[in-house]
Amino acid sequence: MGLNQKLRYISLLFCLFLIVSAGAQAIPSGNNGERLLSQAINEQLLRSQVGFLTDPLCEGRATGTRGTVEAGAWIARQFSSYGLLPLAQEHFHSFIAEDKIGRNILGFSPSSYPSGKYIVIAAHYDNIGVLNGNIYPGADSNASGVAALLALARLNRGSMAMGQLSTCNIIFAALDAKQLSYAGAEALYASFAEGRLRDPKTGVVITPDRISLLVNLDTIGSSLEPVHKARKDFIIMLGGNDAENNALNLANYSSGAMLDLCYDYYGSKDFTDLFLNRIGDQKVFLSHKVHSVLFTSGITMNTNKLEDTEDSLDYPILRRRILLIYNWLNRILS
């Protein structure tokens, strides 16, 4: 059996166990490997999750509204179903942002053995809300990032259930109030800096110096603005060091994602600096010297418009991006 066949076989076994352990639908008899893989991170599930977050029930997810409460409660239920532990006794962490109550949602996945190393995987779930009677759905910005965050949490749970050892504690963070001057990211960093968050397994206070990496997933579901016009199957990663960029190259092959990898923002040094250091929740952590990277598919003509709908996203490519990021995380955390 060749290396690619072995990798594929291992991947299929992992997917089978993941489906069973996550309580997904029973696997029909006689299904093939592609169907097993599609059950692990399938396009229909990604679409349905984006669909919920963009539903009128969530009212565009503006911070402090009933719609954000609905979205946040749903995300917290997903965290619980994936076995993520609460930090400070609950998943919800409230803060004040411009006289509105924001709520970050945090879930914790412990390392396989005592480790003082922590990473944060984040995606904001708030959006514009309702303007002039129109609900801004915010599918790409950032229901797509939340769907990716949940998929990574689900894959993490399945791999650990299979016996894969984790050398790092992972905090999954759905952040509120990006639209209000990144107040959710500011509140999360303050929680670390003020010693208000403890490792639920060891009781250790999680201070900023213990966070080795923050990974931000923001606007990651579109293929409308490819970096190279001949390749709509692409992903942009900003902020990675040489080792992390090399790991992404290797993961791109080992995962089978085979995406067009881009390490700057459309070839512009100025826009790369803008989108990494001045726009996005990762900028808060970068300003406090916490190493951070951003995964994105870039802004499009739909960004912050009514056209940013569930149907505007490219779910096959979003799925490949998630598989790539998951494999990349495994490489850099091993």
C-alpha atoms as a PDB file:
ATOM      1  CA  MET A   1       0.000   0.000   0.000  1.00  0.00           C
ATOM      2  CA  GLY A   2       1.480   3.375  -1.058  1.00  0.00           C
ATOM      3  CA  LEU A   3       1.830   6.386   1.223  1.00  0.00           C
ATOM      4  CA  ASN A   4      -1.186   8.175  -0.253  1.00  0.00           C
ATOM      5  CA  GLN A   5      -3.321   5.071   0.123  1.00  0.00           C
ATOM      6  CA  LYS A   6      -2.196   4.682   3.732  1.00  0.00           C
ATOM      7  CA  LEU A   7      -3.006   8.311   4.511  1.00  0.00           C
ATOM      8  CA  ARG A   8      -6.395   7.944   2.883  1.00  0.00           C
ATOM      9  CA  TYR A   9      -7.126   4.721   4.775  1.00  0.00           C
ATOM     10  CA  ILE A  10      -6.195   6.326   8.104  1.00  0.00           C
ATOM     11  CA  SER A  11      -8.342   9.342   7.244  1.00  0.00           C
ATOM     12  CA  LEU A  12     -11.316   7.131   6.461  1.00  0.00           C
ATOM     13  CA  LEU A  13     -10.962   5.187   9.707  1.00  0.00           C
ATOM     14  CA  PHE A  14     -10.823   8.469  11.589  1.00  0.00           C
ATOM     15  CA  CYS A  15     -13.954   9.729   9.857  1.00  0.00           C
ATOM     16  CA  LEU A  16     -15.831   6.521  10.709  1.00  0.00           C
ATOM     17  CA  PHE A  17     -15.015   6.807  14.401  1.00  0.00           C
ATOM     18  CA  LEU A  18     -15.768  10.522  14.409  1.00  0.00           C
ATOM     19  CA  ILE A  19     -19.247   9.986  13.051  1.00  0.00           C
ATOM     20  CA  VAL A  20     -20.075   7.365  15.665  1.00  0.00           C
ATOM     21  CA  SER A  21     -18.590   9.311  18.580  1.00  0.00           C
ATOM     22  CA  ALA A  22     -20.273  12.569  17.584  1.00  0.00           C
ATOM     23  CA  GLY A  23     -23.711  10.993  17.424  1.00  0.00           C
ATOM     24  CA  ALA A  24     -24.123  11.649  13.726  1.00  0.00           C
ATOM     25  CA  GLN A  25     -26.456   9.658  11.506  1.00  0.00           C
ATOM     26  CA  ALA A  26     -25.705   5.964  11.296  1.00  0.00           C
ATOM     27  CA  ILE A  27     -23.453   5.055   8.391  1.00  0.00           C
ATOM     28  CA  PRO A  28     -25.384   3.229   5.690  1.00  0.00           C
ATOM     29  CA  SER A  29     -24.031  -0.146   4.721  1.00  0.00           C
ATOM     30  CA  GLY A  30     -21.896  -0.333   1.606  1.00  0.00           C
ATOM     31  CA  ASN A  31     -20.920   3.316   1.596  1.00  0.00           C
ATOM     32  CA  ASN A  32     -17.530   4.243   0.198  1.00  0.00           C
ATOM     33  CA  GLY A  33     -14.708   6.367   1.500  1.00  0.00           C
ATOM     34  CA  GLU A  34     -15.951   9.576  -0.060  1.00  0.00           C
ATOM     35  CA  ARG A  35     -19.253   9.275   1.777  1.00  0.00           C
ATOM     36  CA  LEU A  36     -17.447   8.613   5.052  1.00  0.00           C
ATOM     37  CA  LEU A  37     -15.357  11.718   4.569  1.00  0.00           C
ATOM     38  CA  SER A  38     -18.398  13.791   3.665  1.00  0.00           C
ATOM     39  CA  GLN A  39     -20.055  12.710   6.916  1.00  0.00           C
ATOM     40  CA  ALA A  40     -17.086  14.004   8.917  1.00  0.00           C
ATOM     41  CA  ILE A  41     -17.180  17.517   7.444  1.00  0.00           C
ATOM     42  CA  ASN A  42     -19.904  17.563   4.891  1.00  0.00           C
ATOM     43  CA  GLU A  43     -21.011  20.473   2.779  1.00  0.00           C
ATOM     44  CA  GLN A  44     -24.649  20.039   3.775  1.00  0.00           C
ATOM     45  CA  LEU A  45     -23.747  20.401   7.458  1.00  0.00           C
ATOM     46  CA  LEU A  46     -21.662  23.507   6.780  1.00  0.00           C
ATOM     47  CA  ARG A  47     -24.525  25.006   4.781  1.00  0.00           C
ATOM     48  CA  SER A  48     -27.053  24.203   7.480  1.00  0.00           C
ATOM     49  CA  GLN A  49     -24.897  25.844  10.152  1.00  0.00           C
ATOM     50  CA  VAL A  50     -24.398  28.955   8.040  1.00  0.00           C
ATOM     51  CA  GLY A  51     -28.110  28.812   7.291  1.00  0.00           C
ATOM     52  CA  PHE A  52     -29.020  28.904  10.973  1.00  0.00           C
ATOM     53  CA  LEU A  53     -26.751  31.853  11.720  1.00  0.00           C
ATOM     54  CA  THR A  54     -28.106  33.798   8.743  1.00  0.00           C
ATOM     55  CA  ASP A  55     -31.742  32.929   9.460  1.00  0.00           C
ATOM     56  CA  PRO A  56     -34.063  35.841  10.316  1.00  0.00           C
ATOM     57  CA  LEU A  57     -34.298  34.299  13.804  1.00  0.00           C
ATOM     58  CA  CYS A  58     -30.767  35.591  14.436  1.00  0.00           C
ATOM     59  CA  GLU A  59     -31.665  39.060  13.132  1.00  0.00           C
ATOM     60  CA  GLY A  60     -28.246  39.690  11.605  1.00  0.00           C
ATOM     61  CA  ARG A  61     -26.505  38.983  14.926  1.00  0.00           C
ATOM     62  CA  ALA A  62     -25.874  42.549  16.110  1.00  0.00           C
ATOM     63  CA  THR A  63     -24.322  42.629  19.581  1.00  0.00           C
ATOM     64  CA  GLY A  64     -26.835  43.005  22.398  1.00  0.00           C
ATOM     65  CA  THR A  65     -29.875  41.923  20.384  1.00  0.00           C
ATOM     66  CA  ARG A  66     -32.204  38.972  20.734  1.00  0.00           C
ATOM     67  CA  GLY A  67     -30.732  37.558  17.526  1.00  0.00           C
ATOM     68  CA  THR A  68     -27.259  37.396  19.025  1.00  0.00           C
ATOM     69  CA  VAL A  69     -28.661  35.667  22.096  1.00  0.00           C
ATOM     70  CA  GLU A  70     -30.211  33.040  19.811  1.00  0.00           C
ATOM     71  CA  ALA A  71     -26.964  32.604  17.881  1.00  0.00           C
ATOM     72  CA  GLY A  72     -24.858  32.457  21.045  1.00  0.00           C
ATOM     73  CA  ALA A  73     -27.092  29.883  22.717  1.00  0.00           C
ATOM     74  CA  TRP A  74     -26.902  27.693  19.614  1.00  0.00           C
ATOM     75  CA  ILE A  75     -23.093  27.935  19.471  1.00  0.00           C
ATOM     76  CA  ALA A  76     -22.831  27.043  23.170  1.00  0.00           C
ATOM     77  CA  ARG A  77     -24.963  23.946  22.565  1.00  0.00           C
ATOM     78  CA  GLN A  78     -22.621  22.907  19.769  1.00  0.00           C
ATOM     79  CA  PHE A  79     -19.628  23.378  22.069  1.00  0.00           C
ATOM     80  CA  SER A  80     -21.242  21.161  24.678  1.00  0.00           C
ATOM     81  CA  SER A  81     -22.112  18.490  22.122  1.00  0.00           C
ATOM     82  CA  TYR A  82     -18.454  18.369  21.043  1.00  0.00           C
ATOM     83  CA  GLY A  83     -17.327  17.806  24.611  1.00  0.00           C
ATOM     84  CA  LEU A  84     -15.702  21.211  25.107  1.00  0.00           C
ATOM     85  CA  LEU A  85     -15.355  22.133  28.755  1.00  0.00           C
ATOM     86  CA  PRO A  86     -16.506  25.518  30.058  1.00  0.00           C
ATOM     87  CA  LEU A  87     -13.981  28.019  31.364  1.00  0.00           C
ATOM     88  CA  ALA A  88     -14.829  29.660  34.703  1.00  0.00           C
ATOM     89  CA  GLN A  89     -17.821  27.311  35.121  1.00  0.00           C
ATOM     90  CA  GLU A  90     -19.742  28.349  32.009  1.00  0.00           C
ATOM     91  CA  HIS A  91     -19.349  28.803  28.280  1.00  0.00           C
ATOM     92  CA  PHE A  92     -20.654  32.379  28.310  1.00  0.00           C
ATOM     93  CA  HIS A  93     -18.433  35.308  29.293  1.00  0.00           C
ATOM     94  CA  SER A  94     -20.228  38.649  29.315  1.00  0.00           C
ATOM     95  CA  PHE A  95     -18.806  42.135  28.901  1.00  0.00           C
ATOM     96  CA  ILE A  96     -20.007  45.648  28.137  1.00  0.00           C
ATOM     97  CA  ALA A  97     -19.464  47.152  24.684  1.00  0.00           C
ATOM     98  CA  GLU A  98     -20.839  50.630  23.994  1.00  0.00           C
ATOM     99  CA  ASP A  99     -23.631  50.161  26.557  1.00  0.00           C
ATOM    100  CA  LYS A 100     -24.528  46.778  25.080  1.00  0.00           C
ATOM    101  CA  ILE A 101     -24.028  43.392  26.674  1.00  0.00           C
ATOM    102  CA  GLY A 102     -21.716  41.230  24.614  1.00  0.00           C
ATOM    103  CA  ARG A 103     -21.049  37.549  25.208  1.00  0.00           C
ATOM    104  CA  ASN A 104     -18.005  35.570  24.219  1.00  0.00           C
ATOM    105  CA  ILE A 105     -18.456  31.795  24.143  1.00  0.00           C
ATOM    106  CA  LEU A 106     -15.444  29.753  25.228  1.00  0.00           C
ATOM    107  CA  GLY A 107     -14.847  26.010  25.136  1.00  0.00           C
ATOM    108  CA  PHE A 108     -11.790  24.135  26.352  1.00  0.00           C
ATOM    109  CA  SER A 109     -10.142  20.987  25.010  1.00  0.00           C
ATOM    110  CA  PRO A 110      -7.389  19.725  27.344  1.00  0.00           C
ATOM    111  CA  SER A 111      -4.074  18.274  26.250  1.00  0.00           C
ATOM    112  CA  SER A 112      -3.561  14.557  26.629  1.00  0.00           C
ATOM    113  CA  TYR A 113      -1.054  15.055  29.431  1.00  0.00           C
ATOM    114  CA  PRO A 114      -0.175  18.061  31.631  1.00  0.00           C
ATOM    115  CA  SER A 115       0.938  20.930  29.450  1.00  0.00           C
ATOM    116  CA  GLY A 116       1.419  24.611  30.065  1.00  0.00           C
ATOM    117  CA  LYS A 117       0.896  25.351  26.376  1.00  0.00           C
ATOM    118  CA  TYR A 118      -2.350  26.900  25.139  1.00  0.00           C
ATOM    119  CA  ILE A 119      -3.612  28.059  21.771  1.00  0.00           C
ATOM    120  CA  VAL A 120      -6.795  29.963  20.975  1.00  0.00           C
ATOM    121  CA  ILE A 121      -8.867  29.283  17.849  1.00  0.00           C
ATOM    122  CA  ALA A 122     -11.310  32.144  17.360  1.00  0.00           C
ATOM    123  CA  ALA A 123     -14.068  33.357  15.066  1.00  0.00           C
ATOM    124  CA  HIS A 124     -16.415  36.273  15.655  1.00  0.00           C
ATOM    125  CA  TYR A 125     -20.113  35.503  15.400  1.00  0.00           C
ATOM    126  CA  ASP A 126     -21.613  38.992  15.513  1.00  0.00           C
ATOM    127  CA  ASN A 127     -22.566  40.968  12.421  1.00  0.00           C
ATOM    128  CA  ILE A 128     -24.262  44.227  11.414  1.00  0.00           C
ATOM    129  CA  GLY A 129     -27.812  43.284  12.402  1.00  0.00           C
ATOM    130  CA  VAL A 130     -30.813  45.181  11.055  1.00  0.00           C
ATOM    131  CA  LEU A 131     -30.505  48.490   9.206  1.00  0.00           C
ATOM    132  CA  ASN A 132     -33.472  50.379   7.743  1.00  0.00           C
ATOM    133  CA  GLY A 133     -35.628  47.310   8.257  1.00  0.00           C
ATOM    134  CA  ASN A 134     -33.263  45.014   6.352  1.00  0.00           C
ATOM    135  CA  ILE A 135     -31.542  42.046   7.980  1.00  0.00           C
ATOM    136  CA  TYR A 136     -27.882  41.758   7.011  1.00  0.00           C
ATOM    137  CA  PRO A 137     -27.299  37.980   7.023  1.00  0.00           C
ATOM    138  CA  GLY A 138     -23.491  37.973   7.302  1.00  0.00           C
ATOM    139  CA  ALA A 139     -22.913  34.543   5.762  1.00  0.00           C
ATOM    140  CA  ASP A 140     -19.279  35.033   4.815  1.00  0.00           C
ATOM    141  CA  SER A 141     -18.786  37.608   7.561  1.00  0.00           C
ATOM    142  CA  ASN A 142     -18.649  35.580   9.691  1.00  0.00           C
ATOM    143  CA  ALA A 143     -21.044  32.658   9.792  1.00  0.00           C
ATOM    144  CA  SER A 144     -18.434  30.966   7.616  1.00  0.00           C
ATOM    145  CA  GLY A 145     -15.769  31.392  10.302  1.00  0.00           C
ATOM    146  CA  VAL A 146     -18.078  30.039  12.995  1.00  0.00           C
ATOM    147  CA  ALA A 147     -18.924  26.993  10.862  1.00  0.00           C
ATOM    148  CA  ALA A 148     -15.186  26.388  10.422  1.00  0.00           C
ATOM    149  CA  LEU A 149     -14.584  26.839  14.159  1.00  0.00           C
ATOM    150  CA  LEU A 150     -17.260  24.267  14.977  1.00  0.00           C
ATOM    151  CA  ALA A 151     -15.894  21.827  12.402  1.00  0.00           C
ATOM    152  CA  LEU A 152     -12.428  22.070  13.930  1.00  0.00           C
ATOM    153  CA  ALA A 153     -13.884  21.436  17.387  1.00  0.00           C
ATOM    154  CA  ARG A 154     -15.727  18.410  16.066  1.00  0.00           C
ATOM    155  CA  LEU A 155     -12.630  17.026  14.350  1.00  0.00           C
ATOM    156  CA  ASN A 156     -10.566  17.631  17.471  1.00  0.00           C
ATOM    157  CA  ARG A 157     -13.029  15.671  19.557  1.00  0.00           C
ATOM    158  CA  GLY A 158     -13.039  12.759  17.130  1.00  0.00           C
ATOM    159  CA  SER A 159      -9.263  12.549  16.862  1.00  0.00           C
ATOM    160  CA  MET A 160      -8.822  12.563  20.641  1.00  0.00           C
ATOM    161  CA  ALA A 161     -11.529   9.928  21.041  1.00  0.00           C
ATOM    162  CA  MET A 162      -9.534   7.768  18.636  1.00  0.00           C
ATOM    163  CA  GLY A 163      -6.525   8.026  20.902  1.00  0.00           C
ATOM    164  CA  GLN A 164      -4.565  10.732  19.121  1.00  0.00           C
ATOM    165  CA  LEU A 165      -2.446  12.538  21.711  1.00  0.00           C
ATOM    166  CA  SER A 166      -2.739  16.289  22.013  1.00  0.00           C
ATOM    167  CA  THR A 167       0.338  18.164  23.197  1.00  0.00           C
ATOM    168  CA  CYS A 168      -1.485  21.463  23.626  1.00  0.00           C
ATOM    169  CA  ASN A 169      -4.585  22.787  25.364  1.00  0.00           C
ATOM    170  CA  ILE A 170      -6.996  24.399  22.912  1.00  0.00           C
ATOM    171  CA  ILE A 171      -9.464  27.187  23.670  1.00  0.00           C
ATOM    172  CA  PHE A 172     -12.223  27.529  21.078  1.00  0.00           C
ATOM    173  CA  ALA A 173     -13.580  31.079  21.178  1.00  0.00           C
ATOM    174  CA  ALA A 174     -16.692  32.425  19.443  1.00  0.00           C
ATOM    175  CA  LEU A 175     -16.241  36.164  19.862  1.00  0.00           C
ATOM    176  CA  ASP A 176     -18.913  38.840  20.030  1.00  0.00           C
ATOM    177  CA  ALA A 177     -18.685  42.558  19.198  1.00  0.00           C
ATOM    178  CA  LYS A 178     -16.118  42.665  16.422  1.00  0.00           C
ATOM    179  CA  GLN A 179     -18.382  45.318  14.923  1.00  0.00           C
ATOM    180  CA  LEU A 180     -17.962  47.370  18.115  1.00  0.00           C
ATOM    181  CA  SER A 181     -14.232  48.078  17.942  1.00  0.00           C
ATOM    182  CA  TYR A 182     -13.254  44.454  18.561  1.00  0.00           C
ATOM    183  CA  ALA A 183     -14.688  44.588  22.067  1.00  0.00           C
ATOM    184  CA  GLY A 184     -15.056  40.801  22.300  1.00  0.00           C
ATOM    185  CA  ALA A 185     -11.386  40.206  21.521  1.00  0.00           C
ATOM    186  CA  GLU A 186     -10.441  42.980  23.940  1.00  0.00           C
ATOM    187  CA  ALA A 187     -12.579  41.366  26.649  1.00  0.00           C
ATOM    188  CA  LEU A 188     -11.022  37.957  26.025  1.00  0.00           C
ATOM    189  CA  TYR A 189      -7.503  39.308  26.251  1.00  0.00           C
ATOM    190  CA  ALA A 190      -8.421  41.198  29.442  1.00  0.00           C
ATOM    191  CA  SER A 191      -9.725  37.950  30.937  1.00  0.00           C
ATOM    192  CA  PHE A 192      -6.315  36.379  30.379  1.00  0.00           C
ATOM    193  CA  ALA A 193      -4.361  39.448  31.517  1.00  0.00           C
ATOM    194  CA  GLU A 194      -6.405  39.805  34.713  1.00  0.00           C
ATOM    195  CA  GLY A 195      -6.141  36.115  35.592  1.00  0.00           C
ATOM    196  CA  ARG A 196      -9.874  35.403  35.389  1.00  0.00           C
ATOM    197  CA  LEU A 197      -9.611  32.208  33.348  1.00  0.00           C
ATOM    198  CA  ARG A 198      -8.270  28.947  34.769  1.00  0.00           C
ATOM    199  CA  ASP A 199      -7.535  25.633  33.142  1.00  0.00           C
ATOM    200  CA  PRO A 200     -10.611  23.570  34.116  1.00  0.00           C
ATOM    201  CA  LYS A 201      -8.444  20.444  34.418  1.00  0.00           C
ATOM    202  CA  THR A 202      -5.445  21.728  36.351  1.00  0.00           C
ATOM    203  CA  GLY A 203      -6.660  24.982  37.874  1.00  0.00           C
ATOM    204  CA  VAL A 204      -3.688  26.839  36.393  1.00  0.00           C
ATOM    205  CA  VAL A 205      -4.370  30.504  35.639  1.00  0.00           C
ATOM    206  CA  ILE A 206      -4.147  31.001  31.866  1.00  0.00           C
ATOM    207  CA  THR A 207      -2.098  34.158  31.459  1.00  0.00           C
ATOM    208  CA  PRO A 208      -1.158  35.746  28.108  1.00  0.00           C
ATOM    209  CA  ASP A 209       2.405  34.414  28.300  1.00  0.00           C
ATOM    210  CA  ARG A 210       0.999  30.871  28.260  1.00  0.00           C
ATOM    211  CA  ILE A 211      -0.758  31.450  24.915  1.00  0.00           C
ATOM    212  CA  SER A 212       1.604  30.375  22.172  1.00  0.00           C
ATOM    213  CA  LEU A 213      -0.729  31.119  19.276  1.00  0.00           C
ATOM    214  CA  LEU A 214      -4.076  32.643  18.348  1.00  0.00           C
ATOM    215  CA  VAL A 215      -5.693  31.464  15.101  1.00  0.00           C
ATOM    216  CA  ASN A 216      -8.451  33.727  13.784  1.00  0.00           C
ATOM    217  CA  LEU A 217     -10.979  32.486  11.216  1.00  0.00           C
ATOM    218  CA  ASP A 218     -12.657  35.472   9.583  1.00  0.00           C
ATOM    219  CA  THR A 219     -14.553  35.648   6.303  1.00  0.00           C
ATOM    220  CA  ILE A 220     -13.438  32.267   5.030  1.00  0.00           C
ATOM    221  CA  GLY A 221     -16.286  30.893   2.895  1.00  0.00           C
ATOM    222  CA  SER A 222     -16.194  32.702  -0.441  1.00  0.00           C
ATOM    223  CA  SER A 223     -14.454  32.018  -3.744  1.00  0.00           C
ATOM    224  CA  LEU A 224     -15.629  35.243  -5.405  1.00  0.00           C
ATOM    225  CA  GLU A 225     -12.291  37.086  -5.231  1.00  0.00           C
ATOM    226  CA  PRO A 226      -9.501  34.598  -5.971  1.00  0.00           C
ATOM    227  CA  VAL A 227      -5.938  35.792  -5.561  1.00  0.00           C
ATOM    228  CA  HIS A 228      -5.027  34.223  -8.907  1.00  0.00           C
ATOM    229  CA  LYS A 229      -7.913  34.377 -11.348  1.00  0.00           C
ATOM    230  CA  ALA A 230      -7.279  30.870 -12.632  1.00  0.00           C
ATOM    231  CA  ARG A 231      -7.717  29.359  -9.138  1.00  0.00           C
ATOM    232  CA  LYS A 232     -10.858  30.001  -7.127  1.00  0.00           C
ATOM    233  CA  ASP A 233      -9.829  27.243  -4.688  1.00  0.00           C
ATOM    234  CA  PHE A 234      -7.520  29.307  -2.505  1.00  0.00           C
ATOM    235  CA  ILE A 235      -6.852  30.343   1.082  1.00  0.00           C
ATOM    236  CA  ILE A 236      -4.959  33.287   2.554  1.00  0.00           C
ATOM    237  CA  MET A 237      -2.923  32.908   5.750  1.00  0.00           C
ATOM    238  CA  LEU A 238      -1.381  36.043   7.229  1.00  0.00           C
ATOM    239  CA  GLY A 239       1.076  36.282  10.106  1.00  0.00           C
ATOM    240  CA  GLY A 240       2.651  32.850   9.988  1.00  0.00           C
ATOM    241  CA  ASN A 241       6.344  32.341  10.616  1.00  0.00           C
ATOM    242  CA  ASP A 242       8.546  30.266   8.311  1.00  0.00           C
ATOM    243  CA  ALA A 243       7.843  27.019  10.173  1.00  0.00           C
ATOM    244  CA  GLU A 244       4.080  27.594  10.101  1.00  0.00           C
ATOM    245  CA  ASN A 245       4.113  28.499   6.414  1.00  0.00           C
ATOM    246  CA  ASN A 246       6.136  25.389   5.612  1.00  0.00           C
ATOM    247  CA  ALA A 247       3.718  23.296   7.678  1.00  0.00           C
ATOM    248  CA  LEU A 248       0.812  24.712   5.667  1.00  0.00           C
ATOM    249  CA  ASN A 249       2.542  23.740   2.430  1.00  0.00           C
ATOM    250  CA  LEU A 250       3.023  20.175   3.669  1.00  0.00           C
ATOM    251  CA  ALA A 251      -0.512  19.952   5.073  1.00  0.00           C
ATOM    252  CA  ASN A 252      -1.901  21.117   1.759  1.00  0.00           C
ATOM    253  CA  TYR A 253      -0.574  17.911   0.168  1.00  0.00           C
ATOM    254  CA  SER A 254      -1.076  15.484   3.041  1.00  0.00           C
ATOM    255  CA  SER A 255      -4.701  16.524   3.542  1.00  0.00           C
ATOM    256  CA  GLY A 256      -5.502  16.401  -0.148  1.00  0.00           C
ATOM    257  CA  ALA A 257      -6.826  19.969   0.028  1.00  0.00           C
ATOM    258  CA  MET A 258      -4.492  21.120  -2.764  1.00  0.00           C
ATOM    259  CA  LEU A 259      -5.491  24.777  -2.442  1.00  0.00           C
ATOM    260  CA  ASP A 260      -3.778  27.817  -3.880  1.00  0.00           C
ATOM    261  CA  LEU A 261      -1.888  29.061  -0.789  1.00  0.00           C
ATOM    262  CA  CYS A 262      -1.299  32.771  -0.333  1.00  0.00           C
ATOM    263  CA  TYR A 263       0.786  34.346   2.434  1.00  0.00           C
ATOM    264  CA  ASP A 264       0.023  37.993   1.737  1.00  0.00           C
ATOM    265  CA  TYR A 265      -3.124  39.944   0.963  1.00  0.00           C
ATOM    266  CA  TYR A 266      -3.397  39.950  -2.828  1.00  0.00           C
ATOM    267  CA  GLY A 267       0.295  40.720  -3.233  1.00  0.00           C
ATOM    268  CA  SER A 268       0.164  44.023  -1.361  1.00  0.00           C
ATOM    269  CA  LYS A 269       2.493  44.688   1.573  1.00  0.00           C
ATOM    270  CA  ASP A 270       0.324  47.575   2.776  1.00  0.00           C
ATOM    271  CA  PHE A 271      -2.930  45.613   2.610  1.00  0.00           C
ATOM    272  CA  THR A 272      -1.253  42.629   4.288  1.00  0.00           C
ATOM    273  CA  ASP A 273      -0.294  44.898   7.193  1.00  0.00           C
ATOM    274  CA  LEU A 274      -3.783  46.432   7.249  1.00  0.00           C
ATOM    275  CA  PHE A 275      -5.693  43.153   7.357  1.00  0.00           C
ATOM    276  CA  LEU A 276      -3.337  41.489   9.824  1.00  0.00           C
ATOM    277  CA  ASN A 277      -2.452  44.281  12.244  1.00  0.00           C
ATOM    278  CA  ARG A 278      -5.293  46.779  12.014  1.00  0.00           C
ATOM    279  CA  ILE A 279      -8.434  44.863  10.979  1.00  0.00           C
ATOM    280  CA  GLY A 280      -9.724  41.721  12.683  1.00  0.00           C
ATOM    281  CA  ASP A 281      -9.835  40.300  16.187  1.00  0.00           C
ATOM    282  CA  GLN A 282      -6.279  38.985  15.910  1.00  0.00           C
ATOM    283  CA  LYS A 283      -5.012  42.570  15.948  1.00  0.00           C
ATOM    284  CA  VAL A 284      -5.896  42.834  19.643  1.00  0.00           C
ATOM    285  CA  PHE A 285      -3.640  39.911  20.544  1.00  0.00           C
ATOM    286  CA  LEU A 286      -0.901  41.025  18.170  1.00  0.00           C
ATOM    287  CA  SER A 287      -0.875  44.440  19.857  1.00  0.00           C
ATOM    288  CA  HIS A 288      -0.105  42.615  23.114  1.00  0.00           C
ATOM    289  CA  LYS A 289       2.701  40.576  21.531  1.00  0.00           C
ATOM    290  CA  VAL A 290       0.724  37.313  21.326  1.00  0.00           C
ATOM    291  CA  HIS A 291       1.664  35.467  18.136  1.00  0.00           C
ATOM    292  CA  SER A 292      -1.409  35.332  15.887  1.00  0.00           C
ATOM    293  CA  VAL A 293      -2.367  34.229  12.394  1.00  0.00           C
ATOM    294  CA  LEU A 294      -5.404  34.983  10.264  1.00  0.00           C
ATOM    295  CA  PHE A 295      -7.100  32.638   7.809  1.00  0.00           C
ATOM    296  CA  THR A 296      -9.409  34.364   5.328  1.00  0.00           C
ATOM    297  CA  SER A 297     -10.684  34.291   1.771  1.00  0.00           C
ATOM    298  CA  GLY A 298     -10.711  38.074   1.620  1.00  0.00           C
ATOM    299  CA  ILE A 299     -13.411  40.678   1.349  1.00  0.00           C
ATOM    300  CA  THR A 300     -15.711  40.606  -1.677  1.00  0.00           C
ATOM    301  CA  MET A 301     -18.321  42.841  -3.262  1.00  0.00           C
ATOM    302  CA  ASN A 302     -20.844  41.130  -0.935  1.00  0.00           C
ATOM    303  CA  THR A 303     -19.041  41.959   2.310  1.00  0.00           C
ATOM    304  CA  ASN A 304     -21.253  43.924   4.720  1.00  0.00           C
ATOM    305  CA  LYS A 305     -24.069  43.932   2.184  1.00  0.00           C
ATOM    306  CA  LEU A 306     -27.469  42.273   1.920  1.00  0.00           C
ATOM    307  CA  GLU A 307     -26.016  39.987  -0.757  1.00  0.00           C
ATOM    308  CA  ASP A 308     -23.827  38.191   1.828  1.00  0.00           C
ATOM    309  CA  THR A 309     -26.218  35.262   1.971  1.00  0.00           C
ATOM    310  CA  GLU A 310     -26.009  31.543   2.606  1.00  0.00           C
ATOM    311  CA  ASP A 311     -26.213  30.860  -1.133  1.00  0.00           C
ATOM    312  CA  SER A 312     -23.233  33.092  -1.940  1.00  0.00           C
ATOM    313  CA  LEU A 313     -20.668  30.802  -0.267  1.00  0.00           C
ATOM    314  CA  ASP A 314     -18.623  28.029  -1.861  1.00  0.00           C
ATOM    315  CA  TYR A 315     -19.134  25.056   0.469  1.00  0.00           C
ATOM    316  CA  PRO A 316     -16.906  22.520  -1.323  1.00  0.00           C
ATOM    317  CA  ILE A 317     -13.986  24.929  -1.058  1.00  0.00           C
ATOM    318  CA  LEU A 318     -14.864  25.908   2.516  1.00  0.00           C
ATOM    319  CA  ARG A 319     -14.736  22.219   3.402  1.00  0.00           C
ATOM    320  CA  ARG A 320     -11.275  21.858   1.832  1.00  0.00           C
ATOM    321  CA  ARG A 321     -10.078  24.920   3.732  1.00  0.00           C
ATOM    322  CA  ILE A 322     -11.211  23.397   7.017  1.00  0.00           C
ATOM    323  CA  LEU A 323      -9.462  20.102   6.265  1.00  0.00           C
ATOM    324  CA  LEU A 324      -6.287  22.025   5.466  1.00  0.00           C
ATOM    325  CA  ILE A 325      -6.404  24.091   8.668  1.00  0.00           C
ATOM    326  CA  TYR A 326      -7.058  20.977  10.752  1.00  0.00           C
ATOM    327  CA  ASN A 327      -4.093  19.155   9.232  1.00  0.00           C
ATOM    328  CA  TRP A 328      -1.941  22.268   9.636  1.00  0.00           C
ATOM    329  CA  LEU A 329      -2.836  22.488  13.330  1.00  0.00           C
ATOM    330  CA  ASN A 330      -1.888  18.862  13.805  1.00  0.00           C
ATOM    331  CA  ARG A 331       1.510  19.542  12.262  1.00  0.00           C
ATOM    332  CA  ILE A 332       2.382  22.652  14.234  1.00  0.00           C
ATOM    333  CA  LEU A 333       1.118  21.216  17.536  1.00  0.00           C
ATOM    334  CA  SER A 334       2.875  17.860  17.244  1.00  0.00           C
END
